[in-house]
């Protein structure tokens, strides 16, 4: 029997990779220490964020970051106890906060993101999973039109990617989204977008579809990689050793720990993201919204109204902080003043972030081991396309985009 390809990490990127490899006729084992979709894929904002081509580390970060860190009402937090360990990453991250590198990062993100709705639809086409992809608009909420104008750099970058908004002001805002109070004076609306109403349910069903079509899922923890003459030969788990032809690492922030087993140090750090779900809400937005003042997204979901976002720089081994959750609730009360609900539910997840806001996608040297991680805020969005690119590389097909910006070689040492 042909040795399998082992995909490690069963979030949206891993499941997508497994499905595209399966459709290419390969034998695939999907592996995770938890059930599919239980990592960062579980609690994200559910947005297919084709427009998210603007990196966090834009040139303005040099003046904005100190203000954010000193302002208790800002959406940026820092786990100060983790700061000494993060300093090398922060130095690299800030070194990219200039116009030349911002252009480079935007140019790398555009081909990965701008067809994301079509990529998700392609992943589920002809299956019972098509209903998971919802067509929608996406709006940016600003307190005033002047705040929208102040965001000109971001909108210039989005325009390069083909995204130009329709601007609503005054009563037009509440006509479009009655849930919004008068804290929103300007709404920048993008047509032709999409979202997922239950990310965990979506990924769970994708994994089930993979298994129903002959794929294998193993819930186990990877302990080591065995190589011969520099090539992967097997993956060691907590239960057994599994011979393989290739291995694909798509384990989000946990990929950092797996790379250490290969004696490789990847500059990957954690952006701790939070969500609050308002259960049985009295109102729902018509479409997803970004509350720019609080830097969080609002999405009407199957389980209630999800507010997801904020950035807390820290590690992926400690539990939640209360300040980001309190901030989300405070801004939700400000922007949805008439919202009523039965209860709230909080969640913390770990976004894997590279210093240049661009993921690692590709083979690690000539090892037969492939990287597919470091997607920061765009994991759900770029998951199907990343999986397709990895499957094409492994099966010897030529992807239709330049892969150099995503090469693991730019960081691995």
Protein backbone atom coordinates (compact mmCIF):
# COMPACT_ATOMS: atom_id res chain seq x y z
CA UNK A 1 0.00 0.00 0.00
CA UNK A 2 1.22 3.52 -0.82
CA UNK A 3 2.47 5.44 2.18
CA UNK A 4 0.06 8.20 3.25
CA UNK A 5 0.50 11.94 3.45
CA UNK A 6 0.03 13.02 7.06
CA UNK A 7 -1.59 16.43 7.66
CA UNK A 8 -0.98 17.61 11.24
CA UNK A 9 -3.58 20.06 12.48
CA UNK A 10 -7.31 19.74 11.79
CA UNK A 11 -8.37 23.36 11.58
CA UNK A 12 -9.61 24.92 8.36
CA UNK A 13 -6.16 24.87 6.73
CA UNK A 14 -5.43 21.25 7.60
CA UNK A 15 -8.89 19.99 6.65
CA UNK A 16 -8.76 21.91 3.36
CA UNK A 17 -5.32 20.47 2.58
CA UNK A 18 -6.54 16.96 3.35
CA UNK A 19 -9.59 17.35 1.11
CA UNK A 20 -7.64 18.74 -1.86
CA UNK A 21 -5.03 15.97 -1.55
CA UNK A 22 -7.80 13.38 -1.32
CA UNK A 23 -9.42 14.76 -4.47
CA UNK A 24 -6.06 14.47 -6.20
CA UNK A 25 -6.14 10.73 -5.48
CA UNK A 26 -3.73 10.66 -2.57
CA UNK A 27 -4.05 8.60 0.59
CA UNK A 28 -4.28 11.05 3.49
CA UNK A 29 -4.25 10.85 7.28
CA UNK A 30 -5.49 13.95 9.12
CA UNK A 31 -4.16 14.22 12.64
CA UNK A 32 -4.80 16.48 15.62
CA UNK A 33 -4.48 16.18 19.37
CA UNK A 34 -8.06 17.50 19.59
CA UNK A 35 -11.17 17.05 17.50
CA UNK A 36 -11.32 18.90 14.16
CA UNK A 37 -11.97 22.63 14.33
CA UNK A 38 -11.35 23.04 18.04
CA UNK A 39 -8.36 25.43 17.85
CA UNK A 40 -8.38 28.98 16.47
CA UNK A 41 -10.82 27.77 13.81
CA UNK A 42 -13.45 27.25 16.51
CA UNK A 43 -13.99 30.78 17.76
CA UNK A 44 -12.96 33.13 14.98
CA UNK A 45 -15.21 35.88 13.64
CA UNK A 46 -16.49 33.64 10.83
CA UNK A 47 -15.62 36.20 8.17
CA UNK A 48 -14.40 35.29 4.71
CA UNK A 49 -12.25 38.39 4.82
CA UNK A 50 -11.25 38.91 1.19
CA UNK A 51 -10.64 42.57 2.02
CA UNK A 52 -8.16 41.88 4.87
CA UNK A 53 -5.10 42.75 2.80
CA UNK A 54 -3.81 45.44 5.17
CA UNK A 55 -1.26 44.07 7.67
CA UNK A 56 -1.29 45.02 11.33
CA UNK A 57 2.21 46.45 11.11
CA UNK A 58 1.55 49.41 8.83
CA UNK A 59 3.87 52.45 9.01
CA UNK A 60 1.54 54.20 11.47
CA UNK A 61 2.18 51.49 14.07
CA UNK A 62 5.29 53.33 15.32
CA UNK A 63 3.15 56.17 16.66
CA UNK A 64 -0.01 54.17 17.34
CA UNK A 65 1.41 51.26 19.38
CA UNK A 66 2.57 53.30 22.43
CA UNK A 67 -0.80 55.09 22.54
CA UNK A 68 -2.66 51.78 22.30
CA UNK A 69 -0.65 50.13 25.07
CA UNK A 70 -1.16 53.07 27.44
CA UNK A 71 -4.87 53.46 26.69
CA UNK A 72 -7.13 51.05 28.67
CA UNK A 73 -9.84 51.53 26.01
CA UNK A 74 -7.64 50.45 23.10
CA UNK A 75 -7.96 47.03 21.40
CA UNK A 76 -4.23 46.23 21.87
CA UNK A 77 -3.09 44.41 25.03
CA UNK A 78 0.18 42.88 26.14
CA UNK A 79 0.94 40.05 28.57
CA UNK A 80 3.85 41.86 30.18
CA UNK A 81 5.25 38.70 31.78
CA UNK A 82 5.81 37.31 28.29
CA UNK A 83 7.46 40.48 26.96
CA UNK A 84 11.12 39.39 27.42
CA UNK A 85 10.53 36.25 25.33
CA UNK A 86 8.67 38.24 22.66
CA UNK A 87 11.20 41.05 22.25
CA UNK A 88 13.08 39.48 19.28
CA UNK A 89 9.76 38.89 17.48
CA UNK A 90 8.49 42.39 18.30
CA UNK A 91 11.75 43.88 16.93
CA UNK A 92 11.27 41.98 13.63
CA UNK A 93 7.56 42.86 13.55
CA UNK A 94 8.22 46.57 14.04
CA UNK A 95 11.07 46.55 11.51
CA UNK A 96 8.45 45.71 8.85
CA UNK A 97 6.28 48.70 9.83
CA UNK A 98 7.44 50.89 6.94
CA UNK A 99 6.00 51.76 3.55
CA UNK A 100 8.28 49.48 1.49
CA UNK A 101 7.55 46.39 3.59
CA UNK A 102 3.86 47.31 3.90
CA UNK A 103 3.64 47.28 0.10
CA UNK A 104 5.42 43.92 0.02
CA UNK A 105 3.04 42.44 2.60
CA UNK A 106 -0.05 43.77 0.84
CA UNK A 107 1.19 42.39 -2.49
CA UNK A 108 1.62 38.98 -0.84
CA UNK A 109 -1.81 38.99 0.80
CA UNK A 110 -3.81 40.12 -2.25
CA UNK A 111 -3.49 36.88 -4.32
CA UNK A 112 -4.04 34.77 -1.21
CA UNK A 113 -7.27 36.48 -0.12
CA UNK A 114 -9.18 38.28 -2.83
CA UNK A 115 -10.93 35.22 -4.28
CA UNK A 116 -11.57 33.62 -0.88
CA UNK A 117 -15.37 33.36 -1.20
CA UNK A 118 -14.96 31.49 -4.49
CA UNK A 119 -12.28 29.29 -2.91
CA UNK A 120 -14.63 28.29 -0.07
CA UNK A 121 -17.43 27.62 -2.55
CA UNK A 122 -15.07 25.52 -4.66
CA UNK A 123 -14.11 23.47 -1.60
CA UNK A 124 -17.74 22.51 -0.90
CA UNK A 125 -19.18 22.51 -4.43
CA UNK A 126 -21.26 19.44 -5.18
CA UNK A 127 -21.45 18.37 -1.53
CA UNK A 128 -24.02 18.74 1.23
CA UNK A 129 -21.76 21.44 2.72
CA UNK A 130 -22.66 24.22 0.28
CA UNK A 131 -25.11 25.78 2.74
CA UNK A 132 -22.27 26.81 5.07
CA UNK A 133 -21.11 29.62 2.78
CA UNK A 134 -23.33 32.69 3.20
CA UNK A 135 -23.25 35.56 0.73
CA UNK A 136 -23.23 38.93 2.45
CA UNK A 137 -22.11 42.52 2.49
CA UNK A 138 -19.44 43.68 4.92
CA UNK A 139 -19.47 47.08 6.58
CA UNK A 140 -16.94 49.15 8.50
CA UNK A 141 -18.52 51.21 11.29
CA UNK A 142 -16.89 54.59 11.98
CA UNK A 143 -17.95 57.16 14.59
CA UNK A 144 -17.71 59.94 11.96
CA UNK A 145 -16.93 60.42 8.28
CA UNK A 146 -13.69 62.08 9.37
CA UNK A 147 -12.68 58.78 11.03
CA UNK A 148 -13.26 57.02 7.72
CA UNK A 149 -11.06 59.61 5.98
CA UNK A 150 -8.38 59.10 8.63
CA UNK A 151 -8.29 55.43 7.58
CA UNK A 152 -7.20 56.42 4.06
CA UNK A 153 -4.05 54.26 4.00
CA UNK A 154 -6.06 51.09 4.65
CA UNK A 155 -8.68 51.96 2.05
CA UNK A 156 -6.00 52.79 -0.51
CA UNK A 157 -4.57 49.30 0.03
CA UNK A 158 -8.04 47.74 -0.24
CA UNK A 159 -8.64 49.67 -3.46
CA UNK A 160 -5.49 48.06 -4.89
CA UNK A 161 -7.18 44.73 -4.20
CA UNK A 162 -10.40 45.85 -5.91
CA UNK A 163 -12.44 46.78 -2.83
CA UNK A 164 -14.07 50.23 -2.92
CA UNK A 165 -16.87 50.94 -0.44
CA UNK A 166 -20.22 52.66 -0.68
CA UNK A 167 -20.37 55.34 2.03
CA UNK A 168 -23.47 55.78 4.19
CA UNK A 169 -23.89 58.62 6.71
CA UNK A 170 -26.58 60.02 8.98
CA UNK A 171 -29.88 58.15 8.97
CA UNK A 172 -28.64 55.96 6.11
CA UNK A 173 -26.57 54.07 8.69
CA UNK A 174 -29.54 52.99 10.78
CA UNK A 175 -31.63 52.33 7.65
CA UNK A 176 -28.97 49.82 6.56
CA UNK A 177 -28.25 48.37 10.01
CA UNK A 178 -30.99 49.14 12.58
CA UNK A 179 -28.95 47.46 15.35
CA UNK A 180 -26.42 50.31 15.24
CA UNK A 181 -26.94 53.28 17.52
CA UNK A 182 -25.78 56.83 16.94
CA UNK A 183 -22.21 55.96 17.96
CA UNK A 184 -21.88 55.00 14.27
CA UNK A 185 -22.02 58.07 12.07
CA UNK A 186 -20.49 56.53 8.96
CA UNK A 187 -20.71 53.10 7.39
CA UNK A 188 -18.36 51.96 4.60
CA UNK A 189 -20.10 49.06 2.84
CA UNK A 190 -18.45 46.42 0.65
CA UNK A 191 -20.72 44.35 -1.61
CA UNK A 192 -20.15 40.77 -2.71
CA UNK A 193 -18.60 39.32 0.44
CA UNK A 194 -19.30 36.19 2.49
CA UNK A 195 -19.27 34.67 5.95
CA UNK A 196 -19.72 31.44 7.91
CA UNK A 197 -22.47 31.23 10.50
CA UNK A 198 -20.79 28.49 12.56
CA UNK A 199 -17.05 27.99 11.92
CA UNK A 200 -16.72 24.99 14.24
CA UNK A 201 -19.72 23.28 12.65
CA UNK A 202 -18.39 24.01 9.17
CA UNK A 203 -14.98 22.49 9.86
CA UNK A 204 -16.46 19.53 11.72
CA UNK A 205 -18.59 18.69 8.68
CA UNK A 206 -15.66 19.20 6.29
CA UNK A 207 -13.66 16.68 8.34
CA UNK A 208 -16.61 14.27 8.36
CA UNK A 209 -16.88 14.59 4.57
CA UNK A 210 -13.16 13.80 4.27
CA UNK A 211 -13.60 10.65 6.41
CA UNK A 212 -16.74 9.53 4.54
CA UNK A 213 -14.74 9.65 1.31
CA UNK A 214 -12.02 7.34 2.59
CA UNK A 215 -9.83 9.66 4.62
CA UNK A 216 -8.56 8.76 8.07
CA UNK A 217 -8.55 10.97 11.14
CA UNK A 218 -6.34 10.14 14.12
CA UNK A 219 -6.68 12.04 17.37
CA UNK A 220 -3.18 11.91 18.77
CA UNK A 221 -0.28 14.16 19.73
CA UNK A 222 2.78 14.29 17.50
CA UNK A 223 5.96 13.55 19.42
CA UNK A 224 8.62 13.57 16.71
CA UNK A 225 9.51 13.35 13.03
CA UNK A 226 11.81 10.63 11.71
CA UNK A 227 13.92 11.39 8.65
CA UNK A 228 16.32 9.37 6.53
CA UNK A 229 18.87 11.16 4.35
CA UNK A 230 17.06 14.41 5.09
CA UNK A 231 13.60 13.16 3.99
CA UNK A 232 10.60 12.48 6.19
CA UNK A 233 9.92 8.76 6.67
CA UNK A 234 7.52 8.63 9.59
CA UNK A 235 5.65 10.63 12.21
CA UNK A 236 5.92 9.52 15.84
CA UNK A 237 2.76 10.00 17.90
CA UNK A 238 1.86 9.40 21.52
CA UNK A 239 0.50 5.99 20.47
CA UNK A 240 2.52 4.74 17.52
CA UNK A 241 4.86 5.42 14.60
CA UNK A 242 3.21 6.07 11.23
CA UNK A 243 5.29 5.75 8.02
CA UNK A 244 4.51 8.51 5.53
CA UNK A 245 5.48 9.95 2.16
CA UNK A 246 5.03 13.58 3.19
CA UNK A 247 3.99 15.50 6.29
CA UNK A 248 2.15 18.83 6.30
CA UNK A 249 2.23 21.02 9.40
CA UNK A 250 -0.96 23.08 9.67
CA UNK A 251 -1.28 23.29 13.45
CA UNK A 252 -1.58 27.05 13.90
CA UNK A 253 0.43 28.42 16.81
CA UNK A 254 1.25 24.85 17.89
CA UNK A 255 3.28 24.56 14.67
CA UNK A 256 5.96 26.51 16.52
CA UNK A 257 6.37 23.64 18.97
CA UNK A 258 6.37 21.08 16.15
CA UNK A 259 9.06 22.95 14.26
CA UNK A 260 11.31 22.73 17.31
CA UNK A 261 11.18 18.95 16.93
CA UNK A 262 12.84 19.52 13.56
CA UNK A 263 15.48 21.70 15.26
CA UNK A 264 14.05 24.73 13.48
CA UNK A 265 13.23 27.98 15.21
CA UNK A 266 10.36 29.84 13.55
CA UNK A 267 9.64 33.45 14.64
CA UNK A 268 5.99 32.75 15.32
CA UNK A 269 4.19 34.46 18.18
CA UNK A 270 0.68 34.49 19.55
CA UNK A 271 -1.94 37.14 18.99
CA UNK A 272 -4.48 36.11 21.57
CA UNK A 273 -7.95 36.80 20.15
CA UNK A 274 -11.23 36.85 22.06
CA UNK A 275 -14.90 36.57 21.33
CA UNK A 276 -18.11 37.22 23.22
CA UNK A 277 -21.33 35.55 22.10
CA UNK A 278 -24.62 37.26 22.98
CA UNK A 279 -27.16 34.45 23.22
CA UNK A 280 -30.80 34.89 22.19
CA UNK A 281 -30.17 38.48 21.02
CA UNK A 282 -33.12 40.81 20.53
CA UNK A 283 -31.47 42.12 17.35
CA UNK A 284 -29.03 40.89 14.74
CA UNK A 285 -27.18 42.88 12.09
CA UNK A 286 -28.26 42.22 8.52
CA UNK A 287 -24.64 41.54 7.57
CA UNK A 288 -21.30 41.29 9.38
CA UNK A 289 -19.77 44.57 10.60
CA UNK A 290 -16.33 45.75 11.70
CA UNK A 291 -16.48 48.13 14.67
CA UNK A 292 -13.36 50.13 13.86
CA UNK A 293 -13.22 51.96 17.20
CA UNK A 294 -12.81 48.65 19.03
CA UNK A 295 -11.16 46.72 16.16
CA UNK A 296 -13.59 43.80 16.43
CA UNK A 297 -15.98 42.10 14.04
CA UNK A 298 -19.65 41.40 14.61
CA UNK A 299 -21.26 38.42 12.91
CA UNK A 300 -24.82 37.04 13.17
CA UNK A 301 -24.29 33.34 13.88
CA UNK A 302 -26.33 30.23 14.55
CA UNK A 303 -25.57 30.38 18.28
CA UNK A 304 -26.14 34.12 18.69
CA UNK A 305 -24.37 37.39 17.98
CA UNK A 306 -20.58 36.94 18.00
CA UNK A 307 -18.26 39.88 18.68
CA UNK A 308 -14.70 38.77 17.95
CA UNK A 309 -11.39 40.56 17.81
CA UNK A 310 -8.86 42.57 19.84
CA UNK A 311 -5.14 41.75 19.94
CA UNK A 312 -3.36 40.58 23.06
CA UNK A 313 0.30 39.79 22.53
CA UNK A 314 1.31 36.92 24.78
CA UNK A 315 1.83 33.17 24.84
CA UNK A 316 -0.34 30.19 23.97
CA UNK A 317 -0.01 28.33 27.25
CA UNK A 318 -1.90 30.63 29.66
CA UNK A 319 -5.59 31.29 30.11
CA UNK A 320 -7.71 34.33 29.25
CA UNK A 321 -7.35 37.87 30.52
CA UNK A 322 -10.43 39.77 31.62
CA UNK A 323 -9.57 43.18 30.13
CA UNK A 324 -10.08 42.25 26.44
CA UNK A 325 -13.42 40.59 27.23
CA UNK A 326 -14.54 43.62 29.24
CA UNK A 327 -13.53 45.89 26.36
CA UNK A 328 -15.57 43.89 23.84
CA UNK A 329 -18.62 44.07 26.09
CA UNK A 330 -18.16 47.79 26.72
CA UNK A 331 -17.95 48.64 23.03
CA UNK A 332 -20.84 46.31 22.18
CA UNK A 333 -23.00 48.21 24.69
CA UNK A 334 -21.92 51.51 23.13
CA UNK A 335 -22.57 50.56 19.52
CA UNK A 336 -25.68 48.36 20.06
CA UNK A 337 -27.49 50.40 22.74
CA UNK A 338 -30.85 48.62 22.46
CA UNK A 339 -29.49 45.05 22.28
CA UNK A 340 -30.95 42.62 24.81
CA UNK A 341 -29.84 39.00 25.36
CA UNK A 342 -30.19 36.08 27.78
CA UNK A 343 -26.49 35.54 28.59
CA UNK A 344 -22.97 35.83 27.20
CA UNK A 345 -20.24 33.27 26.54
CA UNK A 346 -16.54 34.15 26.29
CA UNK A 347 -13.69 32.45 24.42
CA UNK A 348 -9.94 32.83 23.89
CA UNK A 349 -8.03 31.58 20.85
CA UNK A 350 -4.47 31.82 19.59
CA UNK A 351 -3.63 33.43 16.25
CA UNK A 352 -0.22 32.38 14.85
CA UNK A 353 1.56 35.54 13.67
CA UNK A 354 4.75 36.00 11.69
CA UNK A 355 6.81 39.20 11.85
CA UNK A 356 5.73 40.15 8.32
CA UNK A 357 2.02 39.22 8.64
CA UNK A 358 2.43 36.68 5.80
CA UNK A 359 2.03 32.91 6.36
CA UNK A 360 4.55 30.17 5.67
CA UNK A 361 3.34 27.99 2.80
CA UNK A 362 5.68 25.51 1.15
CA UNK A 363 8.24 22.75 1.55
CA UNK A 364 10.87 23.01 4.25
CA UNK A 365 14.05 22.53 2.26
CA UNK A 366 13.86 19.21 0.41
CA UNK A 367 12.54 17.31 3.43
CA UNK A 368 9.10 16.28 2.20
CA UNK A 369 7.71 18.28 5.14
CA UNK A 370 5.49 21.22 4.24
CA UNK A 371 4.48 24.28 6.25
CA UNK A 372 1.00 25.80 6.16
CA UNK A 373 0.74 28.10 9.15
CA UNK A 374 1.26 31.66 10.39
CA UNK A 375 -1.97 33.11 8.96
CA UNK A 376 -2.54 35.61 11.79
CA UNK A 377 -6.11 37.00 11.31
CA UNK A 378 -6.80 35.31 7.97
CA UNK A 379 -6.76 31.57 8.72
CA UNK A 380 -10.42 30.90 8.00
CA UNK A 381 -10.35 33.16 4.95
CA UNK A 382 -7.25 31.70 3.33
CA UNK A 383 -7.69 28.11 4.51
CA UNK A 384 -9.17 26.59 1.33
CA UNK A 385 -6.69 28.34 -0.98
CA UNK A 386 -3.72 27.47 1.25
CA UNK A 387 -4.84 23.84 1.24
CA UNK A 388 -5.18 23.87 -2.54
CA UNK A 389 -1.69 25.40 -2.97
CA UNK A 390 -0.13 22.81 -0.67
CA UNK A 391 -1.90 19.97 -2.50
CA UNK A 392 -0.69 21.32 -5.84
CA UNK A 393 2.91 21.54 -4.61
CA UNK A 394 2.84 18.02 -3.19
CA UNK A 395 1.27 16.49 -6.30
CA UNK A 396 3.63 18.26 -8.70
CA UNK A 397 1.19 20.76 -10.17
CA UNK A 398 2.15 24.38 -10.75
CA UNK A 399 0.09 26.87 -8.71
CA UNK A 400 -1.14 29.94 -10.57
CA UNK A 401 0.38 32.42 -8.10
CA UNK A 402 3.97 33.26 -7.21
CA UNK A 403 4.80 31.31 -4.04
CA UNK A 404 8.02 33.14 -3.20
CA UNK A 405 6.41 35.55 -0.70
CA UNK A 406 5.23 32.60 1.43
CA UNK A 407 8.37 30.44 1.32
CA UNK A 408 9.37 29.01 4.73
CA UNK A 409 13.02 29.61 3.76
CA UNK A 410 12.66 33.32 4.59
CA UNK A 411 12.49 32.49 8.29
CA UNK A 412 13.75 28.99 8.93
CA UNK A 413 17.12 28.58 10.57
